[in-house]
């Protein structure tokens, strides 16, 4: 998400053409270049398009995706006050429904529960939500990578791994990151029976409240049209894919077949 060229701000017009020239020198090794999920507002995007065309490549943008986010106010009450009356009613209903099941607690990894234990609960809840053969945590390699990543992020103070406990039972989890003064939504999970309690909605709200308490400026939901993102987000960015093609018969055939399949 939000992929881009790593370049010092203000030097795009100088650095990006050199990068493209380096790629162009290796055109014998590739026919098409795909740069995915670049922020449409990025200053490197027009520089990339201009440099690619200057090197004789055919360029097009495609696959626009909305990336919703929520600017965070100074207080939780201010966030709720800015939402619709219907939203506030649903929020209170969710809170009451959870409270009827037992005491509701937000547990943060490293503060209320050990990191390793919190991570294991996250994996279990994610698999309970998506099944063992779906979702993200399917393979041992992926799980081990994130186990190590979460430890490194926790040591740097950049991890926000939260569990929702209801009546002494963990029913939902959120696995997010903190960077650049904002929270980046990543993964989560919940028990199937927690849906009727609206546990996911409650946990999202509690994580947002924690982010506000820490003085963070934004919660970025990343791309996707999920309903829960739309309920919370108040703004959005646009991500685009940038593609460049060598003007060869092979790439023309590829693009024609792709267009036909799309139709």
C-alpha atoms as a PDB file:
ATOM      1  CA  UNK A   1       0.000   0.000   0.000  1.00  0.00           C
ATOM      2  CA  UNK A   2       1.172   3.560  -0.789  1.00  0.00           C
ATOM      3  CA  UNK A   3       4.168   2.212  -2.728  1.00  0.00           C
ATOM      4  CA  UNK A   4       6.508   4.781  -4.236  1.00  0.00           C
ATOM      5  CA  UNK A   5      10.024   5.639  -5.287  1.00  0.00           C
ATOM      6  CA  UNK A   6      12.223   6.442  -2.283  1.00  0.00           C
ATOM      7  CA  UNK A   7      13.580   9.886  -3.101  1.00  0.00           C
ATOM      8  CA  UNK A   8      14.387  13.012  -1.125  1.00  0.00           C
ATOM      9  CA  UNK A   9      11.473  15.479  -1.494  1.00  0.00           C
ATOM     10  CA  UNK A  10      12.222  18.173  -4.054  1.00  0.00           C
ATOM     11  CA  UNK A  11      14.675  16.068  -6.081  1.00  0.00           C
ATOM     12  CA  UNK A  12      12.093  14.031  -8.039  1.00  0.00           C
ATOM     13  CA  UNK A  13      12.747  15.816 -11.355  1.00  0.00           C
ATOM     14  CA  UNK A  14      16.450  14.959 -11.118  1.00  0.00           C
ATOM     15  CA  UNK A  15      16.424  11.468  -9.602  1.00  0.00           C
ATOM     16  CA  UNK A  16      13.415   9.832 -11.293  1.00  0.00           C
ATOM     17  CA  UNK A  17      14.706  10.278 -14.909  1.00  0.00           C
ATOM     18  CA  UNK A  18      17.992   8.628 -13.898  1.00  0.00           C
ATOM     19  CA  UNK A  19      16.111   5.711 -12.390  1.00  0.00           C
ATOM     20  CA  UNK A  20      14.077   5.300 -15.576  1.00  0.00           C
ATOM     21  CA  UNK A  21      17.204   5.500 -17.740  1.00  0.00           C
ATOM     22  CA  UNK A  22      18.675   2.679 -15.674  1.00  0.00           C
ATOM     23  CA  UNK A  23      15.577   0.580 -16.288  1.00  0.00           C
ATOM     24  CA  UNK A  24      15.573   1.472 -19.978  1.00  0.00           C
ATOM     25  CA  UNK A  25      19.150   0.202 -20.360  1.00  0.00           C
ATOM     26  CA  UNK A  26      17.839  -3.228 -19.309  1.00  0.00           C
ATOM     27  CA  UNK A  27      14.900  -3.365 -21.704  1.00  0.00           C
ATOM     28  CA  UNK A  28      16.228  -6.559 -23.214  1.00  0.00           C
ATOM     29  CA  UNK A  29      15.195  -8.251 -19.958  1.00  0.00           C
ATOM     30  CA  UNK A  30      11.628  -6.960 -19.674  1.00  0.00           C
ATOM     31  CA  UNK A  31       8.598  -6.034 -21.770  1.00  0.00           C
ATOM     32  CA  UNK A  32       6.293  -4.436 -19.221  1.00  0.00           C
ATOM     33  CA  UNK A  33       6.781  -2.461 -16.016  1.00  0.00           C
ATOM     34  CA  UNK A  34       4.066  -2.483 -13.340  1.00  0.00           C
ATOM     35  CA  UNK A  35       4.248  -0.050 -10.409  1.00  0.00           C
ATOM     36  CA  UNK A  36       1.342  -0.920  -8.125  1.00  0.00           C
ATOM     37  CA  UNK A  37      -0.653   1.177  -5.650  1.00  0.00           C
ATOM     38  CA  UNK A  38       1.213   4.472  -6.057  1.00  0.00           C
ATOM     39  CA  UNK A  39      -0.511   7.434  -4.340  1.00  0.00           C
ATOM     40  CA  UNK A  40      -2.139   9.507  -7.075  1.00  0.00           C
ATOM     41  CA  UNK A  41      -0.999  12.693  -5.312  1.00  0.00           C
ATOM     42  CA  UNK A  42       2.656  11.616  -5.197  1.00  0.00           C
ATOM     43  CA  UNK A  43       5.072  14.101  -6.820  1.00  0.00           C
ATOM     44  CA  UNK A  44       7.023  11.155  -8.252  1.00  0.00           C
ATOM     45  CA  UNK A  45       4.075   9.978 -10.358  1.00  0.00           C
ATOM     46  CA  UNK A  46       4.133  12.749 -13.035  1.00  0.00           C
ATOM     47  CA  UNK A  47       7.933  12.613 -13.015  1.00  0.00           C
ATOM     48  CA  UNK A  48       7.776   8.856 -13.676  1.00  0.00           C
ATOM     49  CA  UNK A  49       5.238   9.246 -16.481  1.00  0.00           C
ATOM     50  CA  UNK A  50       7.272  11.980 -18.190  1.00  0.00           C
ATOM     51  CA  UNK A  51      10.550  10.079 -17.896  1.00  0.00           C
ATOM     52  CA  UNK A  52       9.061   6.803 -19.154  1.00  0.00           C
ATOM     53  CA  UNK A  53       7.544   8.516 -22.211  1.00  0.00           C
ATOM     54  CA  UNK A  54      10.814  10.348 -22.868  1.00  0.00           C
ATOM     55  CA  UNK A  55      12.490   6.933 -23.055  1.00  0.00           C
ATOM     56  CA  UNK A  56      10.091   5.711 -25.749  1.00  0.00           C
ATOM     57  CA  UNK A  57       7.771   3.684 -23.514  1.00  0.00           C
ATOM     58  CA  UNK A  58       3.992   3.604 -23.713  1.00  0.00           C
ATOM     59  CA  UNK A  59       2.504   4.609 -20.361  1.00  0.00           C
ATOM     60  CA  UNK A  60      -0.937   4.278 -18.819  1.00  0.00           C
ATOM     61  CA  UNK A  61      -2.588   4.588 -15.425  1.00  0.00           C
ATOM     62  CA  UNK A  62      -5.164   2.084 -14.267  1.00  0.00           C
ATOM     63  CA  UNK A  63      -6.827   0.208 -11.436  1.00  0.00           C
ATOM     64  CA  UNK A  64      -7.697   3.237  -9.325  1.00  0.00           C
ATOM     65  CA  UNK A  65      -8.387   2.243  -5.719  1.00  0.00           C
ATOM     66  CA  UNK A  66      -9.850   4.272  -2.885  1.00  0.00           C
ATOM     67  CA  UNK A  67      -7.795   4.305   0.307  1.00  0.00           C
ATOM     68  CA  UNK A  68      -9.994   5.628   3.148  1.00  0.00           C
ATOM     69  CA  UNK A  69      -8.614   7.231   6.290  1.00  0.00           C
ATOM     70  CA  UNK A  70      -9.773   9.034   9.422  1.00  0.00           C
ATOM     71  CA  UNK A  71      -8.086  12.219  10.678  1.00  0.00           C
ATOM     72  CA  UNK A  72      -8.082  11.922  14.463  1.00  0.00           C
ATOM     73  CA  UNK A  73      -9.295  14.786  16.670  1.00  0.00           C
ATOM     74  CA  UNK A  74      -7.911  15.629  20.095  1.00  0.00           C
ATOM     75  CA  UNK A  75     -10.626  13.750  21.976  1.00  0.00           C
ATOM     76  CA  UNK A  76     -12.783  10.644  21.536  1.00  0.00           C
ATOM     77  CA  UNK A  77     -15.952  12.620  22.296  1.00  0.00           C
ATOM     78  CA  UNK A  78     -15.106  14.976  19.426  1.00  0.00           C
ATOM     79  CA  UNK A  79     -14.803  12.023  17.055  1.00  0.00           C
ATOM     80  CA  UNK A  80     -18.223  10.688  18.041  1.00  0.00           C
ATOM     81  CA  UNK A  81     -19.783  14.162  17.898  1.00  0.00           C
ATOM     82  CA  UNK A  82     -18.635  14.516  14.289  1.00  0.00           C
ATOM     83  CA  UNK A  83     -20.355  11.276  13.261  1.00  0.00           C
ATOM     84  CA  UNK A  84     -24.004  10.988  12.277  1.00  0.00           C
ATOM     85  CA  UNK A  85     -26.785  10.537  14.806  1.00  0.00           C
ATOM     86  CA  UNK A  86     -27.434   7.071  13.384  1.00  0.00           C
ATOM     87  CA  UNK A  87     -23.762   6.122  13.799  1.00  0.00           C
ATOM     88  CA  UNK A  88     -23.755   7.213  17.452  1.00  0.00           C
ATOM     89  CA  UNK A  89     -26.924   5.216  18.048  1.00  0.00           C
ATOM     90  CA  UNK A  90     -25.344   2.102  16.524  1.00  0.00           C
ATOM     91  CA  UNK A  91     -22.177   2.653  18.564  1.00  0.00           C
ATOM     92  CA  UNK A  92     -24.126   2.799  21.810  1.00  0.00           C
ATOM     93  CA  UNK A  93     -26.073  -0.290  20.757  1.00  0.00           C
ATOM     94  CA  UNK A  94     -22.828  -2.183  20.101  1.00  0.00           C
ATOM     95  CA  UNK A  95     -21.391  -1.130  23.456  1.00  0.00           C
ATOM     96  CA  UNK A  96     -24.565  -2.202  25.281  1.00  0.00           C
ATOM     97  CA  UNK A  97     -24.673  -5.520  23.474  1.00  0.00           C
ATOM     98  CA  UNK A  98     -21.087  -6.274  24.479  1.00  0.00           C
ATOM     99  CA  UNK A  99     -21.601  -5.153  28.072  1.00  0.00           C
ATOM    100  CA  UNK A 100     -24.516  -7.581  28.364  1.00  0.00           C
ATOM    101  CA  UNK A 101     -22.051 -10.419  27.661  1.00  0.00           C
ATOM    102  CA  UNK A 102     -19.679  -9.469  30.476  1.00  0.00           C
ATOM    103  CA  UNK A 103     -16.921  -7.044  31.407  1.00  0.00           C
ATOM    104  CA  UNK A 104     -15.346  -5.452  28.303  1.00  0.00           C
ATOM    105  CA  UNK A 105     -11.579  -4.857  28.311  1.00  0.00           C
ATOM    106  CA  UNK A 106      -9.051  -3.652  25.756  1.00  0.00           C
ATOM    107  CA  UNK A 107      -5.769  -5.527  26.210  1.00  0.00           C
ATOM    108  CA  UNK A 108      -2.626  -4.126  24.592  1.00  0.00           C
ATOM    109  CA  UNK A 109       0.340  -6.357  23.816  1.00  0.00           C
ATOM    110  CA  UNK A 110       3.303  -5.423  25.957  1.00  0.00           C
ATOM    111  CA  UNK A 111       1.152  -3.614  28.509  1.00  0.00           C
ATOM    112  CA  UNK A 112      -1.698  -5.891  29.571  1.00  0.00           C
ATOM    113  CA  UNK A 113      -0.595  -9.162  28.007  1.00  0.00           C
ATOM    114  CA  UNK A 114       2.722 -10.570  26.793  1.00  0.00           C
ATOM    115  CA  UNK A 115       3.575 -10.003  23.146  1.00  0.00           C
ATOM    116  CA  UNK A 116       4.009 -13.689  22.288  1.00  0.00           C
ATOM    117  CA  UNK A 117       0.703 -14.602  23.925  1.00  0.00           C
ATOM    118  CA  UNK A 118      -1.102 -11.730  22.168  1.00  0.00           C
ATOM    119  CA  UNK A 119       0.369 -12.782  18.824  1.00  0.00           C
ATOM    120  CA  UNK A 120      -0.792 -16.376  19.276  1.00  0.00           C
ATOM    121  CA  UNK A 121      -4.304 -15.198  20.101  1.00  0.00           C
ATOM    122  CA  UNK A 122      -4.257 -13.010  16.983  1.00  0.00           C
ATOM    123  CA  UNK A 123      -3.373 -16.019  14.804  1.00  0.00           C
ATOM    124  CA  UNK A 124      -6.126 -18.126  16.373  1.00  0.00           C
ATOM    125  CA  UNK A 125      -8.759 -15.411  15.937  1.00  0.00           C
ATOM    126  CA  UNK A 126      -7.690 -14.656  12.365  1.00  0.00           C
ATOM    127  CA  UNK A 127      -8.009 -18.332  11.447  1.00  0.00           C
ATOM    128  CA  UNK A 128     -11.324 -18.536  13.279  1.00  0.00           C
ATOM    129  CA  UNK A 129     -12.571 -15.658  11.130  1.00  0.00           C
ATOM    130  CA  UNK A 130     -11.225 -16.816   7.746  1.00  0.00           C
ATOM    131  CA  UNK A 131     -10.564 -20.542   8.166  1.00  0.00           C
ATOM    132  CA  UNK A 132      -7.183 -22.319   8.182  1.00  0.00           C
ATOM    133  CA  UNK A 133      -6.821 -22.238   4.390  1.00  0.00           C
ATOM    134  CA  UNK A 134      -7.870 -18.624   3.850  1.00  0.00           C
ATOM    135  CA  UNK A 135      -6.780 -15.261   5.170  1.00  0.00           C
ATOM    136  CA  UNK A 136      -3.191 -14.130   5.588  1.00  0.00           C
ATOM    137  CA  UNK A 137      -1.668 -16.385   8.238  1.00  0.00           C
ATOM    138  CA  UNK A 138      -1.801 -19.582   6.198  1.00  0.00           C
ATOM    139  CA  UNK A 139       1.838 -20.625   5.994  1.00  0.00           C
ATOM    140  CA  UNK A 140       4.494 -21.157   8.687  1.00  0.00           C
ATOM    141  CA  UNK A 141       6.835 -18.754   6.862  1.00  0.00           C
ATOM    142  CA  UNK A 142       4.294 -15.928   6.913  1.00  0.00           C
ATOM    143  CA  UNK A 143       3.511 -16.497  10.592  1.00  0.00           C
ATOM    144  CA  UNK A 144       7.195 -16.579  11.550  1.00  0.00           C
ATOM    145  CA  UNK A 145       7.920 -13.423   9.549  1.00  0.00           C
ATOM    146  CA  UNK A 146       5.213 -11.506  11.400  1.00  0.00           C
ATOM    147  CA  UNK A 147       6.186 -13.000  14.727  1.00  0.00           C
ATOM    148  CA  UNK A 148       9.673 -11.559  14.261  1.00  0.00           C
ATOM    149  CA  UNK A 149       8.360  -8.308  12.767  1.00  0.00           C
ATOM    150  CA  UNK A 150       5.960  -7.732  15.657  1.00  0.00           C
ATOM    151  CA  UNK A 151       8.816  -8.152  18.152  1.00  0.00           C
ATOM    152  CA  UNK A 152      10.975  -5.643  16.288  1.00  0.00           C
ATOM    153  CA  UNK A 153       8.109  -3.180  15.970  1.00  0.00           C
ATOM    154  CA  UNK A 154       7.275  -3.555  19.662  1.00  0.00           C
ATOM    155  CA  UNK A 155      10.888  -2.813  20.627  1.00  0.00           C
ATOM    156  CA  UNK A 156      10.728   0.353  18.513  1.00  0.00           C
ATOM    157  CA  UNK A 157       7.382   1.379  20.017  1.00  0.00           C
ATOM    158  CA  UNK A 158       5.676   1.009  16.638  1.00  0.00           C
ATOM    159  CA  UNK A 159       3.292  -1.889  17.329  1.00  0.00           C
ATOM    160  CA  UNK A 160      -0.396  -1.595  18.193  1.00  0.00           C
ATOM    161  CA  UNK A 161      -1.571  -5.157  18.787  1.00  0.00           C
ATOM    162  CA  UNK A 162      -4.897  -5.060  20.639  1.00  0.00           C
ATOM    163  CA  UNK A 163      -7.191  -7.760  21.979  1.00  0.00           C
ATOM    164  CA  UNK A 164     -10.851  -7.377  22.931  1.00  0.00           C
ATOM    165  CA  UNK A 165     -11.795  -9.369  25.994  1.00  0.00           C
ATOM    166  CA  UNK A 166     -15.457  -9.866  26.922  1.00  0.00           C
ATOM    167  CA  UNK A 167     -16.361 -11.665  30.112  1.00  0.00           C
ATOM    168  CA  UNK A 168     -12.786 -12.948  30.455  1.00  0.00           C
ATOM    169  CA  UNK A 169     -12.750 -14.381  26.927  1.00  0.00           C
ATOM    170  CA  UNK A 170     -10.744 -12.942  24.012  1.00  0.00           C
ATOM    171  CA  UNK A 171     -13.199 -12.492  21.120  1.00  0.00           C
ATOM    172  CA  UNK A 172     -11.381 -10.199  18.653  1.00  0.00           C
ATOM    173  CA  UNK A 173      -7.914  -8.858  17.790  1.00  0.00           C
ATOM    174  CA  UNK A 174      -6.369  -6.009  15.780  1.00  0.00           C
ATOM    175  CA  UNK A 175      -2.787  -6.012  14.495  1.00  0.00           C
ATOM    176  CA  UNK A 176      -1.793  -2.491  13.442  1.00  0.00           C
ATOM    177  CA  UNK A 177       1.376  -0.422  13.145  1.00  0.00           C
ATOM    178  CA  UNK A 178       2.289   3.076  14.264  1.00  0.00           C
ATOM    179  CA  UNK A 179       4.565   5.126  12.011  1.00  0.00           C
ATOM    180  CA  UNK A 180       4.911   8.770  11.054  1.00  0.00           C
ATOM    181  CA  UNK A 181       2.446   9.921  13.706  1.00  0.00           C
ATOM    182  CA  UNK A 182      -0.395   7.733  12.433  1.00  0.00           C
ATOM    183  CA  UNK A 183      -1.811   4.221  12.704  1.00  0.00           C
ATOM    184  CA  UNK A 184      -1.759   1.868   9.745  1.00  0.00           C
ATOM    185  CA  UNK A 185      -4.539  -0.736   9.707  1.00  0.00           C
ATOM    186  CA  UNK A 186      -3.155  -4.183   8.889  1.00  0.00           C
ATOM    187  CA  UNK A 187      -4.892  -7.351  10.035  1.00  0.00           C
ATOM    188  CA  UNK A 188      -7.303  -8.734  12.584  1.00  0.00           C
ATOM    189  CA  UNK A 189      -9.594 -11.571  13.521  1.00  0.00           C
ATOM    190  CA  UNK A 190     -12.554 -12.523  15.653  1.00  0.00           C
ATOM    191  CA  UNK A 191     -14.606 -15.473  16.766  1.00  0.00           C
ATOM    192  CA  UNK A 192     -17.557 -16.208  14.428  1.00  0.00           C
ATOM    193  CA  UNK A 193     -20.023 -15.797  17.305  1.00  0.00           C
ATOM    194  CA  UNK A 194     -18.569 -12.359  18.079  1.00  0.00           C
ATOM    195  CA  UNK A 195     -20.260 -10.922  14.997  1.00  0.00           C
ATOM    196  CA  UNK A 196     -23.648 -10.786  16.702  1.00  0.00           C
ATOM    197  CA  UNK A 197     -21.999  -8.775  19.492  1.00  0.00           C
ATOM    198  CA  UNK A 198     -20.493  -6.373  16.920  1.00  0.00           C
ATOM    199  CA  UNK A 199     -17.142  -7.042  18.517  1.00  0.00           C
ATOM    200  CA  UNK A 200     -15.230  -5.858  15.447  1.00  0.00           C
ATOM    201  CA  UNK A 201     -16.897  -2.446  15.555  1.00  0.00           C
ATOM    202  CA  UNK A 202     -16.253  -2.145  19.282  1.00  0.00           C
ATOM    203  CA  UNK A 203     -12.588  -3.080  18.934  1.00  0.00           C
ATOM    204  CA  UNK A 204     -12.038  -0.599  16.101  1.00  0.00           C
ATOM    205  CA  UNK A 205     -13.529   2.152  18.254  1.00  0.00           C
ATOM    206  CA  UNK A 206     -11.377   1.236  21.253  1.00  0.00           C
ATOM    207  CA  UNK A 207      -8.233   1.184  19.074  1.00  0.00           C
ATOM    208  CA  UNK A 208      -9.132   4.622  17.705  1.00  0.00           C
ATOM    209  CA  UNK A 209      -9.653   5.876  21.252  1.00  0.00           C
ATOM    210  CA  UNK A 210      -6.213   4.532  22.197  1.00  0.00           C
ATOM    211  CA  UNK A 211      -4.667   6.238  19.142  1.00  0.00           C
ATOM    212  CA  UNK A 212      -6.237   9.552  20.167  1.00  0.00           C
ATOM    213  CA  UNK A 213      -4.919   9.081  23.711  1.00  0.00           C
ATOM    214  CA  UNK A 214      -1.418   8.688  22.249  1.00  0.00           C
ATOM    215  CA  UNK A 215      -1.802  11.917  20.278  1.00  0.00           C
ATOM    216  CA  UNK A 216      -1.659  10.250  16.849  1.00  0.00           C
ATOM    217  CA  UNK A 217      -2.999  12.231  13.914  1.00  0.00           C
ATOM    218  CA  UNK A 218      -4.633   9.667  11.643  1.00  0.00           C
ATOM    219  CA  UNK A 219      -5.894   6.117  11.225  1.00  0.00           C
ATOM    220  CA  UNK A 220      -5.185   4.858   7.713  1.00  0.00           C
ATOM    221  CA  UNK A 221      -7.492   1.975   6.727  1.00  0.00           C
ATOM    222  CA  UNK A 222      -5.483   1.239   3.552  1.00  0.00           C
ATOM    223  CA  UNK A 223      -7.238   0.423   0.291  1.00  0.00           C
ATOM    224  CA  UNK A 224     -10.486  -1.479  -0.015  1.00  0.00           C
ATOM    225  CA  UNK A 225     -14.219  -0.912   0.051  1.00  0.00           C
ATOM    226  CA  UNK A 226     -14.973  -2.781   3.286  1.00  0.00           C
ATOM    227  CA  UNK A 227     -18.096  -1.531   5.051  1.00  0.00           C
ATOM    228  CA  UNK A 228     -16.384  -1.015   8.390  1.00  0.00           C
ATOM    229  CA  UNK A 229     -13.826   1.298   6.750  1.00  0.00           C
ATOM    230  CA  UNK A 230     -16.584   3.390   5.216  1.00  0.00           C
ATOM    231  CA  UNK A 231     -18.398   3.655   8.534  1.00  0.00           C
ATOM    232  CA  UNK A 232     -15.375   5.127  10.304  1.00  0.00           C
ATOM    233  CA  UNK A 233     -13.397   6.962   7.594  1.00  0.00           C
ATOM    234  CA  UNK A 234     -14.162  10.570   6.697  1.00  0.00           C
ATOM    235  CA  UNK A 235     -11.657  11.059   3.855  1.00  0.00           C
ATOM    236  CA  UNK A 236      -9.876   9.037   1.216  1.00  0.00           C
ATOM    237  CA  UNK A 237      -6.805   8.980  -0.963  1.00  0.00           C
ATOM    238  CA  UNK A 238      -6.532   7.436  -4.410  1.00  0.00           C
ATOM    239  CA  UNK A 239      -3.986   4.779  -5.325  1.00  0.00           C
ATOM    240  CA  UNK A 240      -3.201   3.935  -8.951  1.00  0.00           C
ATOM    241  CA  UNK A 241      -1.186   1.383 -10.878  1.00  0.00           C
ATOM    242  CA  UNK A 242       1.298   2.833 -13.350  1.00  0.00           C
ATOM    243  CA  UNK A 243       2.218   0.620 -16.295  1.00  0.00           C
ATOM    244  CA  UNK A 244       4.845   1.111 -18.989  1.00  0.00           C
ATOM    245  CA  UNK A 245       5.327  -1.042 -22.098  1.00  0.00           C
ATOM    246  CA  UNK A 246       8.042  -1.438 -24.664  1.00  0.00           C
ATOM    247  CA  UNK A 247       6.491  -0.752 -28.100  1.00  0.00           C
ATOM    248  CA  UNK A 248       6.908  -4.303 -29.396  1.00  0.00           C
ATOM    249  CA  UNK A 249       4.582  -6.764 -31.081  1.00  0.00           C
ATOM    250  CA  UNK A 250       4.704  -8.957 -27.997  1.00  0.00           C
ATOM    251  CA  UNK A 251       3.456  -6.199 -25.659  1.00  0.00           C
ATOM    252  CA  UNK A 252       0.746  -5.153 -28.124  1.00  0.00           C
ATOM    253  CA  UNK A 253      -0.525  -8.737 -28.245  1.00  0.00           C
ATOM    254  CA  UNK A 254      -0.405  -8.961 -24.457  1.00  0.00           C
ATOM    255  CA  UNK A 255      -2.392  -5.734 -24.026  1.00  0.00           C
ATOM    256  CA  UNK A 256      -4.938  -6.791 -26.629  1.00  0.00           C
ATOM    257  CA  UNK A 257      -5.494 -10.180 -24.966  1.00  0.00           C
ATOM    258  CA  UNK A 258      -5.778  -8.505 -21.553  1.00  0.00           C
ATOM    259  CA  UNK A 259      -8.341  -6.028 -22.857  1.00  0.00           C
ATOM    260  CA  UNK A 260     -10.333  -8.876 -24.428  1.00  0.00           C
ATOM    261  CA  UNK A 261     -10.308 -10.838 -21.176  1.00  0.00           C
ATOM    262  CA  UNK A 262     -11.408  -7.747 -19.282  1.00  0.00           C
ATOM    263  CA  UNK A 263     -14.314  -7.245 -21.684  1.00  0.00           C
END
